[in-house]
Amino acid sequence: MTDQLHDVSVIGGGPAGMFAAFYAGLHELDTQLIEALPQLGGQVRALYPEKQIWDVAGKAGVTGEQLISDLEEQLTHAKINYQLSTKVTEVVKDQDGYFTIISNQGNFRSKAIVIAMGNGAFAPRPFKVEGIEQVDEQRINYFIQHKAQFKNQRVAVLGGGNSAMDMALMLEPLASEVYLVHRRDQFRGLPATLTQLQESRVHLQTPFLPKKISQAEDGTVTLQLKKMRSDEETLLNVDQVVVNYGFTSNNAALNEWSLDLATERHLIKVDSTMMTSIEGVYAIGDGNTYPGKVPLIASGLGEAPVAINDLAKRLYPDKRMATHSSSMKIK
C-alpha cells in the first residue's frame, strides 16, 4: 500500500473523468486519475473514435478521437498522477473518514473519490437474426474504428437513434451506397441530424426489420427485410453491415465495493453538488442520476467542476478557490 494520501482520486478516464482530474489539478489538489484501460478516453475512444460529437460547447462536430486528444492536451497543464491499466476492485471508507482504493495494481489512499465510470463495462447488443452464424464476422461491424475501410463499399446501417444516423452520415461521403434500416418510420434523434439525413444520399429503409441474413460466394451479404405490420419483404445486398442497436452496460464492480451507494435504475443517486449518499464520494457522467439529468457528454463535463469545487471546499475550507476561469493561474 502506498503511503501517499491523495486529495482526490478520480476513478474513470473518459471525458468527464479527464476534465474532473484537470480541474482538480488546476486547483492544485493532489489528484490521481485511475483508468482500467491502458489509455485514457473510455468508451468515446474505444467505440467512437471517428464519430462526430455535437453536444460539446465550442466543438462543432468534433470526432471522438479529437475530443480525447484535446482533453489529453488540457491535462498537460495540471499536475496529475496517472494509474492506467488499473482496475478498482474495492473502495473502503476508513475510520479516519478517508478511503482505501484496492486495485489490481496495488492499494491507494485518498481523501475524496470521484466516480466517473460511466455505465461500467459495456458490450454491443448482438445482432440476433436467422443465418448470422454462417456470416463472416468481418462483415458485421458494431464499431467504426477506421471509416476508411468502408470506402467504395455498399453499407447497411441498422438502427434508428442518433448514433445510427451519425454513422450513416459519416460513411456517406466514402461509401458507394449507404442504407439506413429502421423498424419504425420515425427516427429518434436531433432534428438537425434528421434534416441532414433527409438531405443526404443515404437510402432510408423504413419501416423494415431484418428477418434473415446470408452470405454469397463473392463475400457480399444479403439482408432479407420484412416490412412491419405487413407481409411485404425485400432483399438488400451489401458489402458490410453496421449494427447500432445500442449497448448493454453493467456497473457490477460497484456492487463489490464496501460503499453502500444509493442507486436508482442502477445509476448512482447524487445531490446538487454531485455527492453520493456517502460523504466524500461523488459521481459524475453517465453513471449518475438526479432530477433533470440529461445523459450527454456536455452534462458530465459540467458536473466535473461542481463536484471538484464542493470537495475542495470540504477538504480545505479556508482555501480560496478560483470561481472564474479568468482568475485561474495556469503555469
C-alpha atoms as a PDB file:
ATOM      1  CA  MET A   1       0.000   0.000   0.000  1.00  0.00           C
ATOM      2  CA  THR A   2       1.269   3.437  -0.882  1.00  0.00           C
ATOM      3  CA  ASP A   3       1.887   5.843   1.993  1.00  0.00           C
ATOM      4  CA  GLN A   4       0.777   8.814  -0.123  1.00  0.00           C
ATOM      5  CA  LEU A   5      -2.623  10.251   0.708  1.00  0.00           C
ATOM      6  CA  HIS A   6      -4.143  11.945  -2.338  1.00  0.00           C
ATOM      7  CA  ASP A   7      -6.663  14.755  -2.017  1.00  0.00           C
ATOM      8  CA  VAL A   8      -8.898  13.262  -4.704  1.00  0.00           C
ATOM      9  CA  SER A   9      -8.921  10.110  -6.795  1.00  0.00           C
ATOM     10  CA  VAL A  10     -10.951  10.198  -9.997  1.00  0.00           C
ATOM     11  CA  ILE A  11     -11.998   6.667 -10.976  1.00  0.00           C
ATOM     12  CA  GLY A  12     -12.680   6.532 -14.703  1.00  0.00           C
ATOM     13  CA  GLY A  13     -10.698   8.093 -17.553  1.00  0.00           C
ATOM     14  CA  GLY A  14     -13.450   9.039 -20.004  1.00  0.00           C
ATOM     15  CA  PRO A  15     -14.210  12.682 -20.934  1.00  0.00           C
ATOM     16  CA  ALA A  16     -15.905  13.534 -17.611  1.00  0.00           C
ATOM     17  CA  GLY A  17     -13.145  11.903 -15.548  1.00  0.00           C
ATOM     18  CA  MET A  18     -10.395  13.549 -17.576  1.00  0.00           C
ATOM     19  CA  PHE A  19     -11.921  17.005 -17.162  1.00  0.00           C
ATOM     20  CA  ALA A  20     -12.521  16.431 -13.440  1.00  0.00           C
ATOM     21  CA  ALA A  21      -8.867  15.470 -12.959  1.00  0.00           C
ATOM     22  CA  PHE A  22      -7.707  18.532 -14.913  1.00  0.00           C
ATOM     23  CA  TYR A  23      -9.965  20.842 -12.930  1.00  0.00           C
ATOM     24  CA  ALA A  24      -8.781  19.370  -9.624  1.00  0.00           C
ATOM     25  CA  GLY A  25      -5.137  19.665 -10.678  1.00  0.00           C
ATOM     26  CA  LEU A  26      -5.753  23.242 -11.763  1.00  0.00           C
ATOM     27  CA  HIS A  27      -6.797  23.993  -8.184  1.00  0.00           C
ATOM     28  CA  GLU A  28      -3.532  22.383  -7.053  1.00  0.00           C
ATOM     29  CA  LEU A  29      -5.250  19.462  -5.366  1.00  0.00           C
ATOM     30  CA  ASP A  30      -3.151  16.298  -5.133  1.00  0.00           C
ATOM     31  CA  THR A  31      -5.017  14.420  -7.854  1.00  0.00           C
ATOM     32  CA  GLN A  32      -4.918  10.824  -9.037  1.00  0.00           C
ATOM     33  CA  LEU A  33      -6.677   9.597 -12.215  1.00  0.00           C
ATOM     34  CA  ILE A  34      -7.391   5.851 -12.321  1.00  0.00           C
ATOM     35  CA  GLU A  35      -8.408   4.107 -15.565  1.00  0.00           C
ATOM     36  CA  ALA A  36      -8.953   0.385 -16.162  1.00  0.00           C
ATOM     37  CA  LEU A  37      -7.915   0.572 -19.826  1.00  0.00           C
ATOM     38  CA  PRO A  38      -4.289   1.122 -20.914  1.00  0.00           C
ATOM     39  CA  GLN A  39      -5.209   4.519 -22.365  1.00  0.00           C
ATOM     40  CA  LEU A  40      -7.482   7.416 -21.482  1.00  0.00           C
ATOM     41  CA  GLY A  41     -10.693   8.129 -23.366  1.00  0.00           C
ATOM     42  CA  GLY A  42     -13.108   5.474 -22.130  1.00  0.00           C
ATOM     43  CA  GLN A  43     -15.984   4.457 -24.413  1.00  0.00           C
ATOM     44  CA  VAL A  44     -15.553   7.503 -26.659  1.00  0.00           C
ATOM     45  CA  ARG A  45     -12.063   6.461 -27.768  1.00  0.00           C
ATOM     46  CA  ALA A  46     -12.769   2.721 -27.694  1.00  0.00           C
ATOM     47  CA  LEU A  47     -16.077   2.773 -29.569  1.00  0.00           C
ATOM     48  CA  TYR A  48     -16.471   6.052 -31.433  1.00  0.00           C
ATOM     49  CA  PRO A  49     -13.031   7.399 -32.414  1.00  0.00           C
ATOM     50  CA  GLU A  50     -14.279   8.711 -35.782  1.00  0.00           C
ATOM     51  CA  LYS A  51     -17.872   9.508 -34.848  1.00  0.00           C
ATOM     52  CA  GLN A  52     -18.899  13.172 -34.927  1.00  0.00           C
ATOM     53  CA  ILE A  53     -19.887  14.546 -31.482  1.00  0.00           C
ATOM     54  CA  TRP A  54     -22.158  17.588 -31.465  1.00  0.00           C
ATOM     55  CA  ASP A  55     -23.103  18.129 -27.803  1.00  0.00           C
ATOM     56  CA  VAL A  56     -19.834  19.707 -26.603  1.00  0.00           C
ATOM     57  CA  ALA A  57     -19.820  23.505 -26.498  1.00  0.00           C
ATOM     58  CA  GLY A  58     -17.404  25.104 -28.959  1.00  0.00           C
ATOM     59  CA  LYS A  59     -16.768  21.792 -30.748  1.00  0.00           C
ATOM     60  CA  ALA A  60     -18.780  21.703 -33.979  1.00  0.00           C
ATOM     61  CA  GLY A  61     -18.808  18.054 -34.978  1.00  0.00           C
ATOM     62  CA  VAL A  62     -15.571  17.053 -33.253  1.00  0.00           C
ATOM     63  CA  THR A  63     -14.592  13.406 -33.644  1.00  0.00           C
ATOM     64  CA  GLY A  64     -14.302  11.217 -30.553  1.00  0.00           C
ATOM     65  CA  GLU A  65     -10.553  10.814 -31.073  1.00  0.00           C
ATOM     66  CA  GLN A  66     -10.016  14.569 -31.450  1.00  0.00           C
ATOM     67  CA  LEU A  67     -12.079  15.327 -28.330  1.00  0.00           C
ATOM     68  CA  ILE A  68      -9.985  12.909 -26.265  1.00  0.00           C
ATOM     69  CA  SER A  69      -6.762  14.302 -27.756  1.00  0.00           C
ATOM     70  CA  ASP A  70      -7.846  17.820 -26.782  1.00  0.00           C
ATOM     71  CA  LEU A  71      -8.634  16.668 -23.241  1.00  0.00           C
ATOM     72  CA  GLU A  72      -5.223  14.966 -23.034  1.00  0.00           C
ATOM     73  CA  GLU A  73      -3.567  18.203 -24.129  1.00  0.00           C
ATOM     74  CA  GLN A  74      -5.544  20.060 -21.471  1.00  0.00           C
ATOM     75  CA  LEU A  75      -4.329  17.613 -18.819  1.00  0.00           C
ATOM     76  CA  THR A  76      -0.717  18.578 -19.531  1.00  0.00           C
ATOM     77  CA  HIS A  77      -1.412  21.952 -17.894  1.00  0.00           C
ATOM     78  CA  ALA A  78      -2.109  20.348 -14.498  1.00  0.00           C
ATOM     79  CA  LYS A  79      -0.076  18.036 -12.293  1.00  0.00           C
ATOM     80  CA  ILE A  80      -1.835  14.653 -12.283  1.00  0.00           C
ATOM     81  CA  ASN A  81      -0.818  11.211 -11.052  1.00  0.00           C
ATOM     82  CA  TYR A  82      -1.920   8.576 -13.591  1.00  0.00           C
ATOM     83  CA  GLN A  83      -2.785   4.960 -12.869  1.00  0.00           C
ATOM     84  CA  LEU A  84      -3.613   3.249 -16.190  1.00  0.00           C
ATOM     85  CA  SER A  85      -4.474  -0.438 -16.684  1.00  0.00           C
ATOM     86  CA  THR A  86      -5.715  -0.242 -13.118  1.00  0.00           C
ATOM     87  CA  LYS A  87      -8.988  -1.956 -12.282  1.00  0.00           C
ATOM     88  CA  VAL A  88     -10.536  -0.864  -8.991  1.00  0.00           C
ATOM     89  CA  THR A  89     -11.979  -3.880  -7.182  1.00  0.00           C
ATOM     90  CA  GLU A  90     -12.896  -2.321  -3.846  1.00  0.00           C
ATOM     91  CA  VAL A  91     -13.208   1.049  -2.115  1.00  0.00           C
ATOM     92  CA  VAL A  92     -13.317   1.115   1.674  1.00  0.00           C
ATOM     93  CA  LYS A  93     -14.112   4.086   3.904  1.00  0.00           C
ATOM     94  CA  ASP A  94     -11.627   4.062   6.755  1.00  0.00           C
ATOM     95  CA  GLN A  95     -12.078   5.139  10.363  1.00  0.00           C
ATOM     96  CA  ASP A  96     -10.380   8.473   9.697  1.00  0.00           C
ATOM     97  CA  GLY A  97     -13.076   9.315   7.121  1.00  0.00           C
ATOM     98  CA  TYR A  98     -10.746   8.847   4.160  1.00  0.00           C
ATOM     99  CA  PHE A  99     -10.691   5.976   1.657  1.00  0.00           C
ATOM    100  CA  THR A 100      -8.585   2.987   0.672  1.00  0.00           C
ATOM    101  CA  ILE A 101      -8.797   2.046  -3.005  1.00  0.00           C
ATOM    102  CA  ILE A 102      -7.917  -1.584  -3.732  1.00  0.00           C
ATOM    103  CA  SER A 103      -6.915  -2.432  -7.303  1.00  0.00           C
ATOM    104  CA  ASN A 104      -5.036  -4.952  -9.418  1.00  0.00           C
ATOM    105  CA  GLN A 105      -2.053  -2.577  -9.315  1.00  0.00           C
ATOM    106  CA  GLY A 106      -1.957  -2.140  -5.555  1.00  0.00           C
ATOM    107  CA  ASN A 107      -3.746  -0.025  -2.986  1.00  0.00           C
ATOM    108  CA  PHE A 108      -4.097   3.756  -2.792  1.00  0.00           C
ATOM    109  CA  ARG A 109      -5.327   6.221  -0.194  1.00  0.00           C
ATOM    110  CA  SER A 110      -7.486   9.235  -0.932  1.00  0.00           C
ATOM    111  CA  LYS A 111      -9.380  11.921   0.986  1.00  0.00           C
ATOM    112  CA  ALA A 112     -12.175  12.073  -1.600  1.00  0.00           C
ATOM    113  CA  ILE A 113     -13.416   9.957  -4.501  1.00  0.00           C
ATOM    114  CA  VAL A 114     -14.980  10.999  -7.814  1.00  0.00           C
ATOM    115  CA  ILE A 115     -16.628   8.106  -9.655  1.00  0.00           C
ATOM    116  CA  ALA A 116     -16.613   8.765 -13.404  1.00  0.00           C
ATOM    117  CA  MET A 117     -17.048   5.216 -14.645  1.00  0.00           C
ATOM    118  CA  GLY A 118     -19.984   5.887 -16.938  1.00  0.00           C
ATOM    119  CA  ASN A 119     -22.236   2.853 -17.149  1.00  0.00           C
ATOM    120  CA  GLY A 120     -19.409   0.494 -16.360  1.00  0.00           C
ATOM    121  CA  ALA A 121     -18.475  -2.459 -18.542  1.00  0.00           C
ATOM    122  CA  PHE A 122     -20.122  -2.216 -21.932  1.00  0.00           C
ATOM    123  CA  ALA A 123     -20.911  -4.519 -24.840  1.00  0.00           C
ATOM    124  CA  PRO A 124     -22.902  -4.008 -28.029  1.00  0.00           C
ATOM    125  CA  ARG A 125     -26.361  -5.529 -28.272  1.00  0.00           C
ATOM    126  CA  PRO A 126     -25.816  -8.535 -30.562  1.00  0.00           C
ATOM    127  CA  PHE A 127     -27.448  -8.816 -33.987  1.00  0.00           C
ATOM    128  CA  LYS A 128     -29.731 -11.808 -33.472  1.00  0.00           C
ATOM    129  CA  VAL A 129     -31.151 -12.883 -36.812  1.00  0.00           C
ATOM    130  CA  GLU A 130     -31.558 -16.171 -38.673  1.00  0.00           C
ATOM    131  CA  GLY A 131     -28.374 -17.133 -40.542  1.00  0.00           C
ATOM    132  CA  ILE A 132     -25.980 -14.860 -38.627  1.00  0.00           C
ATOM    133  CA  GLU A 133     -23.808 -17.840 -37.602  1.00  0.00           C
ATOM    134  CA  GLN A 134     -22.924 -18.501 -41.250  1.00  0.00           C
ATOM    135  CA  VAL A 135     -21.803 -14.930 -41.996  1.00  0.00           C
ATOM    136  CA  ASP A 136     -18.147 -13.898 -41.810  1.00  0.00           C
ATOM    137  CA  GLU A 137     -17.671 -11.864 -38.606  1.00  0.00           C
ATOM    138  CA  GLN A 138     -15.628  -9.306 -40.554  1.00  0.00           C
ATOM    139  CA  ARG A 139     -18.775  -8.374 -42.482  1.00  0.00           C
ATOM    140  CA  ILE A 140     -20.692  -7.464 -39.293  1.00  0.00           C
ATOM    141  CA  ASN A 141     -19.459  -4.298 -37.564  1.00  0.00           C
ATOM    142  CA  TYR A 142     -20.527  -2.997 -34.163  1.00  0.00           C
ATOM    143  CA  PHE A 143     -17.920  -0.198 -34.047  1.00  0.00           C
ATOM    144  CA  ILE A 144     -16.330   2.028 -36.661  1.00  0.00           C
ATOM    145  CA  GLN A 145     -12.690   2.334 -35.699  1.00  0.00           C
ATOM    146  CA  HIS A 146     -11.476   3.393 -39.164  1.00  0.00           C
ATOM    147  CA  LYS A 147     -14.075   4.706 -41.568  1.00  0.00           C
ATOM    148  CA  ALA A 148     -11.642   4.381 -44.498  1.00  0.00           C
ATOM    149  CA  GLN A 149     -12.285   0.620 -44.530  1.00  0.00           C
ATOM    150  CA  PHE A 150     -15.767   1.347 -45.913  1.00  0.00           C
ATOM    151  CA  LYS A 151     -14.512   3.329 -48.914  1.00  0.00           C
ATOM    152  CA  ASN A 152     -16.396   2.395 -52.106  1.00  0.00           C
ATOM    153  CA  GLN A 153     -18.379  -0.226 -50.163  1.00  0.00           C
ATOM    154  CA  ARG A 154     -22.137  -0.714 -50.029  1.00  0.00           C
ATOM    155  CA  VAL A 155     -23.070  -0.457 -46.370  1.00  0.00           C
ATOM    156  CA  ALA A 156     -26.256  -1.187 -44.429  1.00  0.00           C
ATOM    157  CA  VAL A 157     -26.542   0.605 -41.082  1.00  0.00           C
ATOM    158  CA  LEU A 158     -29.081  -0.953 -38.713  1.00  0.00           C
ATOM    159  CA  GLY A 159     -30.685   1.260 -36.044  1.00  0.00           C
ATOM    160  CA  GLY A 160     -32.830   4.328 -35.550  1.00  0.00           C
ATOM    161  CA  GLY A 161     -31.141   6.514 -32.931  1.00  0.00           C
ATOM    162  CA  ASN A 162     -28.724   9.423 -33.117  1.00  0.00           C
ATOM    163  CA  SER A 163     -25.695   7.139 -33.285  1.00  0.00           C
ATOM    164  CA  ALA A 164     -27.098   5.155 -36.215  1.00  0.00           C
ATOM    165  CA  MET A 165     -27.907   8.353 -38.112  1.00  0.00           C
ATOM    166  CA  ASP A 166     -24.459   9.789 -37.329  1.00  0.00           C
ATOM    167  CA  MET A 167     -22.767   6.625 -38.582  1.00  0.00           C
ATOM    168  CA  ALA A 168     -24.764   6.656 -41.819  1.00  0.00           C
ATOM    169  CA  LEU A 169     -23.888  10.315 -42.415  1.00  0.00           C
ATOM    170  CA  MET A 170     -20.242   9.698 -41.545  1.00  0.00           C
ATOM    171  CA  LEU A 171     -19.991   6.893 -44.116  1.00  0.00           C
ATOM    172  CA  GLU A 172     -21.985   8.623 -46.857  1.00  0.00           C
ATOM    173  CA  PRO A 173     -19.039  10.577 -48.377  1.00  0.00           C
ATOM    174  CA  LEU A 174     -16.870   7.433 -48.531  1.00  0.00           C
ATOM    175  CA  ALA A 175     -19.178   4.510 -49.246  1.00  0.00           C
ATOM    176  CA  SER A 176     -20.621   3.904 -52.691  1.00  0.00           C
ATOM    177  CA  GLU A 177     -24.070   3.384 -51.151  1.00  0.00           C
ATOM    178  CA  VAL A 178     -25.392   3.696 -47.589  1.00  0.00           C
ATOM    179  CA  TYR A 179     -28.701   2.210 -46.443  1.00  0.00           C
ATOM    180  CA  LEU A 180     -30.220   3.021 -43.049  1.00  0.00           C
ATOM    181  CA  VAL A 181     -32.587   0.280 -41.917  1.00  0.00           C
ATOM    182  CA  HIS A 182     -35.020   1.022 -39.087  1.00  0.00           C
ATOM    183  CA  ARG A 183     -38.136  -0.785 -37.911  1.00  0.00           C
ATOM    184  CA  ARG A 184     -40.077   2.459 -37.425  1.00  0.00           C
ATOM    185  CA  ASP A 185     -40.964   5.291 -39.787  1.00  0.00           C
ATOM    186  CA  GLN A 186     -39.668   7.843 -37.284  1.00  0.00           C
ATOM    187  CA  PHE A 187     -36.066   8.169 -36.132  1.00  0.00           C
ATOM    188  CA  ARG A 188     -35.020   9.014 -32.578  1.00  0.00           C
ATOM    189  CA  GLY A 189     -32.532  11.838 -32.774  1.00  0.00           C
ATOM    190  CA  LEU A 190     -31.779  15.512 -33.002  1.00  0.00           C
ATOM    191  CA  PRO A 191     -33.965  17.389 -35.517  1.00  0.00           C
ATOM    192  CA  ALA A 192     -30.857  18.904 -37.137  1.00  0.00           C
ATOM    193  CA  THR A 193     -29.372  15.430 -37.670  1.00  0.00           C
ATOM    194  CA  LEU A 194     -32.626  14.170 -39.151  1.00  0.00           C
ATOM    195  CA  THR A 195     -32.747  17.132 -41.546  1.00  0.00           C
ATOM    196  CA  GLN A 196     -29.175  16.441 -42.622  1.00  0.00           C
ATOM    197  CA  LEU A 197     -30.065  12.782 -43.130  1.00  0.00           C
ATOM    198  CA  GLN A 198     -33.069  13.613 -45.299  1.00  0.00           C
ATOM    199  CA  GLU A 199     -30.931  15.926 -47.443  1.00  0.00           C
ATOM    200  CA  SER A 200     -28.195  13.301 -47.868  1.00  0.00           C
ATOM    201  CA  ARG A 201     -27.973  10.444 -50.360  1.00  0.00           C
ATOM    202  CA  VAL A 202     -28.471   7.847 -47.606  1.00  0.00           C
ATOM    203  CA  HIS A 203     -31.239   5.419 -48.597  1.00  0.00           C
ATOM    204  CA  LEU A 204     -33.841   5.125 -45.817  1.00  0.00           C
ATOM    205  CA  GLN A 205     -35.294   1.639 -45.473  1.00  0.00           C
ATOM    206  CA  THR A 206     -38.294   2.074 -43.151  1.00  0.00           C
ATOM    207  CA  PRO A 207     -40.214   0.542 -41.510  1.00  0.00           C
ATOM    208  CA  PHE A 208     -38.259  -2.677 -42.103  1.00  0.00           C
ATOM    209  CA  LEU A 209     -36.852  -5.284 -39.724  1.00  0.00           C
ATOM    210  CA  PRO A 210     -34.074  -7.721 -40.695  1.00  0.00           C
ATOM    211  CA  LYS A 211     -35.563 -11.210 -40.791  1.00  0.00           C
ATOM    212  CA  LYS A 212     -32.713 -13.255 -42.236  1.00  0.00           C
ATOM    213  CA  ILE A 213     -29.121 -12.818 -43.395  1.00  0.00           C
ATOM    214  CA  SER A 214     -26.953 -14.829 -45.775  1.00  0.00           C
ATOM    215  CA  GLN A 215     -23.553 -14.529 -47.421  1.00  0.00           C
ATOM    216  CA  ALA A 216     -22.780 -15.259 -51.086  1.00  0.00           C
ATOM    217  CA  GLU A 217     -19.625 -16.824 -52.501  1.00  0.00           C
ATOM    218  CA  ASP A 218     -18.350 -13.383 -53.512  1.00  0.00           C
ATOM    219  CA  GLY A 219     -18.462 -12.340 -49.834  1.00  0.00           C
ATOM    220  CA  THR A 220     -21.394  -9.942 -50.155  1.00  0.00           C
ATOM    221  CA  VAL A 221     -24.170 -10.089 -47.588  1.00  0.00           C
ATOM    222  CA  THR A 222     -27.898 -10.188 -48.310  1.00  0.00           C
ATOM    223  CA  LEU A 223     -30.416  -8.996 -45.741  1.00  0.00           C
ATOM    224  CA  GLN A 224     -33.976 -10.238 -46.007  1.00  0.00           C
ATOM    225  CA  LEU A 225     -36.087  -7.353 -44.711  1.00  0.00           C
ATOM    226  CA  LYS A 226     -39.714  -7.611 -43.612  1.00  0.00           C
ATOM    227  CA  LYS A 227     -41.922  -4.552 -43.611  1.00  0.00           C
ATOM    228  CA  MET A 228     -43.562  -4.001 -40.233  1.00  0.00           C
ATOM    229  CA  ARG A 229     -47.285  -4.773 -39.980  1.00  0.00           C
ATOM    230  CA  SER A 230     -47.177  -6.164 -43.496  1.00  0.00           C
ATOM    231  CA  ASP A 231     -46.336  -9.324 -45.440  1.00  0.00           C
ATOM    232  CA  GLU A 232     -44.098  -7.330 -47.782  1.00  0.00           C
ATOM    233  CA  GLU A 233     -40.470  -8.408 -47.907  1.00  0.00           C
ATOM    234  CA  THR A 234     -37.439  -7.117 -49.795  1.00  0.00           C
ATOM    235  CA  LEU A 235     -33.792  -8.112 -50.259  1.00  0.00           C
ATOM    236  CA  LEU A 236     -30.844  -5.791 -49.644  1.00  0.00           C
ATOM    237  CA  ASN A 237     -27.398  -6.845 -50.899  1.00  0.00           C
ATOM    238  CA  VAL A 238     -24.390  -5.033 -49.385  1.00  0.00           C
ATOM    239  CA  ASP A 239     -20.689  -5.462 -48.678  1.00  0.00           C
ATOM    240  CA  GLN A 240     -20.775  -4.503 -44.998  1.00  0.00           C
ATOM    241  CA  VAL A 241     -23.347  -4.327 -42.186  1.00  0.00           C
ATOM    242  CA  VAL A 242     -23.022  -1.863 -39.293  1.00  0.00           C
ATOM    243  CA  VAL A 243     -25.179  -2.778 -36.287  1.00  0.00           C
ATOM    244  CA  ASN A 244     -26.163   0.054 -33.953  1.00  0.00           C
ATOM    245  CA  TYR A 245     -28.761  -1.387 -31.606  1.00  0.00           C
ATOM    246  CA  GLY A 246     -27.191   0.198 -28.542  1.00  0.00           C
ATOM    247  CA  PHE A 247     -25.107  -1.257 -25.739  1.00  0.00           C
ATOM    248  CA  THR A 248     -25.704  -3.223 -22.600  1.00  0.00           C
ATOM    249  CA  SER A 249     -23.774  -1.926 -19.637  1.00  0.00           C
ATOM    250  CA  ASN A 250     -23.188  -3.019 -16.146  1.00  0.00           C
ATOM    251  CA  ASN A 251     -21.658  -1.447 -13.116  1.00  0.00           C
ATOM    252  CA  ALA A 252     -21.472  -4.738 -11.250  1.00  0.00           C
ATOM    253  CA  ALA A 253     -18.000  -3.791  -9.976  1.00  0.00           C
ATOM    254  CA  LEU A 254     -19.615  -1.169  -7.743  1.00  0.00           C
ATOM    255  CA  ASN A 255     -21.597  -3.904  -6.017  1.00  0.00           C
ATOM    256  CA  GLU A 256     -18.335  -5.414  -4.803  1.00  0.00           C
ATOM    257  CA  TRP A 257     -17.308  -2.208  -3.061  1.00  0.00           C
ATOM    258  CA  SER A 258     -17.975  -1.730   0.636  1.00  0.00           C
ATOM    259  CA  LEU A 259     -19.613   1.640  -0.090  1.00  0.00           C
ATOM    260  CA  ASP A 260     -23.384   1.423   0.300  1.00  0.00           C
ATOM    261  CA  LEU A 261     -24.271   3.816  -2.520  1.00  0.00           C
ATOM    262  CA  ALA A 262     -27.902   4.773  -3.060  1.00  0.00           C
ATOM    263  CA  THR A 263     -28.973   3.896  -6.593  1.00  0.00           C
ATOM    264  CA  GLU A 264     -31.915   4.323  -8.924  1.00  0.00           C
ATOM    265  CA  ARG A 265     -32.267   2.167 -12.068  1.00  0.00           C
ATOM    266  CA  HIS A 266     -28.675   1.014 -11.465  1.00  0.00           C
ATOM    267  CA  LEU A 267     -27.469   4.641 -11.567  1.00  0.00           C
ATOM    268  CA  ILE A 268     -25.805   6.377  -8.604  1.00  0.00           C
ATOM    269  CA  LYS A 269     -28.050   8.967  -6.947  1.00  0.00           C
ATOM    270  CA  VAL A 270     -26.359  12.314  -6.282  1.00  0.00           C
ATOM    271  CA  ASP A 271     -27.367  15.691  -4.868  1.00  0.00           C
ATOM    272  CA  SER A 272     -26.874  19.125  -6.415  1.00  0.00           C
ATOM    273  CA  THR A 273     -23.126  19.004  -5.627  1.00  0.00           C
ATOM    274  CA  MET A 274     -22.758  15.552  -7.265  1.00  0.00           C
ATOM    275  CA  MET A 275     -22.162  13.968  -3.843  1.00  0.00           C
ATOM    276  CA  THR A 276     -23.480  10.444  -3.388  1.00  0.00           C
ATOM    277  CA  SER A 277     -25.098   9.044  -0.263  1.00  0.00           C
ATOM    278  CA  ILE A 278     -21.553   8.590   1.105  1.00  0.00           C
ATOM    279  CA  GLU A 279     -19.849  11.775   2.298  1.00  0.00           C
ATOM    280  CA  GLY A 280     -16.651  12.353   0.367  1.00  0.00           C
ATOM    281  CA  VAL A 281     -17.749  10.253  -2.625  1.00  0.00           C
ATOM    282  CA  TYR A 282     -19.006  11.999  -5.763  1.00  0.00           C
ATOM    283  CA  ALA A 283     -20.324  10.641  -9.062  1.00  0.00           C
ATOM    284  CA  ILE A 284     -20.347  12.405 -12.424  1.00  0.00           C
ATOM    285  CA  GLY A 285     -21.141  11.495 -16.022  1.00  0.00           C
ATOM    286  CA  ASP A 286     -23.417   8.806 -17.433  1.00  0.00           C
ATOM    287  CA  GLY A 287     -23.324   6.728 -14.248  1.00  0.00           C
ATOM    288  CA  ASN A 288     -25.192   9.195 -12.022  1.00  0.00           C
ATOM    289  CA  THR A 289     -28.785  10.372 -11.783  1.00  0.00           C
ATOM    290  CA  TYR A 290     -30.668  13.351 -10.347  1.00  0.00           C
ATOM    291  CA  PRO A 291     -33.856  15.260 -11.261  1.00  0.00           C
ATOM    292  CA  GLY A 292     -33.470  16.783 -14.709  1.00  0.00           C
ATOM    293  CA  LYS A 293     -30.383  14.738 -15.633  1.00  0.00           C
ATOM    294  CA  VAL A 294     -29.570  14.794 -19.360  1.00  0.00           C
ATOM    295  CA  PRO A 295     -27.185  11.948 -20.360  1.00  0.00           C
ATOM    296  CA  LEU A 296     -24.832  13.900 -22.618  1.00  0.00           C
ATOM    297  CA  ILE A 297     -21.057  14.299 -22.661  1.00  0.00           C
ATOM    298  CA  ALA A 298     -21.672  18.011 -22.113  1.00  0.00           C
ATOM    299  CA  SER A 299     -23.551  17.246 -18.884  1.00  0.00           C
ATOM    300  CA  GLY A 300     -20.675  15.190 -17.488  1.00  0.00           C
ATOM    301  CA  LEU A 301     -18.192  17.932 -18.335  1.00  0.00           C
ATOM    302  CA  GLY A 302     -20.373  20.429 -16.469  1.00  0.00           C
ATOM    303  CA  GLU A 303     -20.760  18.162 -13.435  1.00  0.00           C
ATOM    304  CA  ALA A 304     -16.980  17.828 -13.002  1.00  0.00           C
ATOM    305  CA  PRO A 305     -16.266  21.360 -11.657  1.00  0.00           C
ATOM    306  CA  VAL A 306     -19.383  21.185  -9.454  1.00  0.00           C
ATOM    307  CA  ALA A 307     -18.036  18.072  -7.726  1.00  0.00           C
ATOM    308  CA  ILE A 308     -14.430  19.308  -7.523  1.00  0.00           C
ATOM    309  CA  ASN A 309     -15.392  22.703  -6.096  1.00  0.00           C
ATOM    310  CA  ASP A 310     -17.533  21.112  -3.402  1.00  0.00           C
ATOM    311  CA  LEU A 311     -14.977  18.520  -2.312  1.00  0.00           C
ATOM    312  CA  ALA A 312     -12.187  21.123  -2.326  1.00  0.00           C
ATOM    313  CA  LYS A 313     -14.174  23.392  -0.011  1.00  0.00           C
ATOM    314  CA  ARG A 314     -14.835  20.460   2.324  1.00  0.00           C
ATOM    315  CA  LEU A 315     -11.172  19.442   2.375  1.00  0.00           C
ATOM    316  CA  TYR A 316      -9.766  22.972   2.638  1.00  0.00           C
ATOM    317  CA  PRO A 317     -12.491  25.312   3.944  1.00  0.00           C
ATOM    318  CA  ASP A 318     -10.019  28.178   4.396  1.00  0.00           C
ATOM    319  CA  LYS A 319      -8.526  27.875   0.929  1.00  0.00           C
ATOM    320  CA  ARG A 320      -9.680  30.492  -1.551  1.00  0.00           C
ATOM    321  CA  MET A 321     -10.949  28.804  -4.702  1.00  0.00           C
ATOM    322  CA  ALA A 322     -10.945  30.461  -8.121  1.00  0.00           C
ATOM    323  CA  THR A 323     -14.555  30.712  -9.254  1.00  0.00           C
ATOM    324  CA  HIS A 324     -13.985  32.144 -12.733  1.00  0.00           C
ATOM    325  CA  SER A 325     -11.708  30.834 -15.458  1.00  0.00           C
ATOM    326  CA  SER A 326     -10.133  34.252 -15.856  1.00  0.00           C
ATOM    327  CA  SER A 327      -8.960  34.155 -12.223  1.00  0.00           C
ATOM    328  CA  MET A 328      -7.170  30.841 -12.589  1.00  0.00           C
ATOM    329  CA  LYS A 329      -3.402  30.921 -12.947  1.00  0.00           C
ATOM    330  CA  ILE A 330      -2.130  28.345 -15.393  1.00  0.00           C
ATOM    331  CA  LYS A 331       1.613  27.853 -15.357  1.00  0.00           C
END
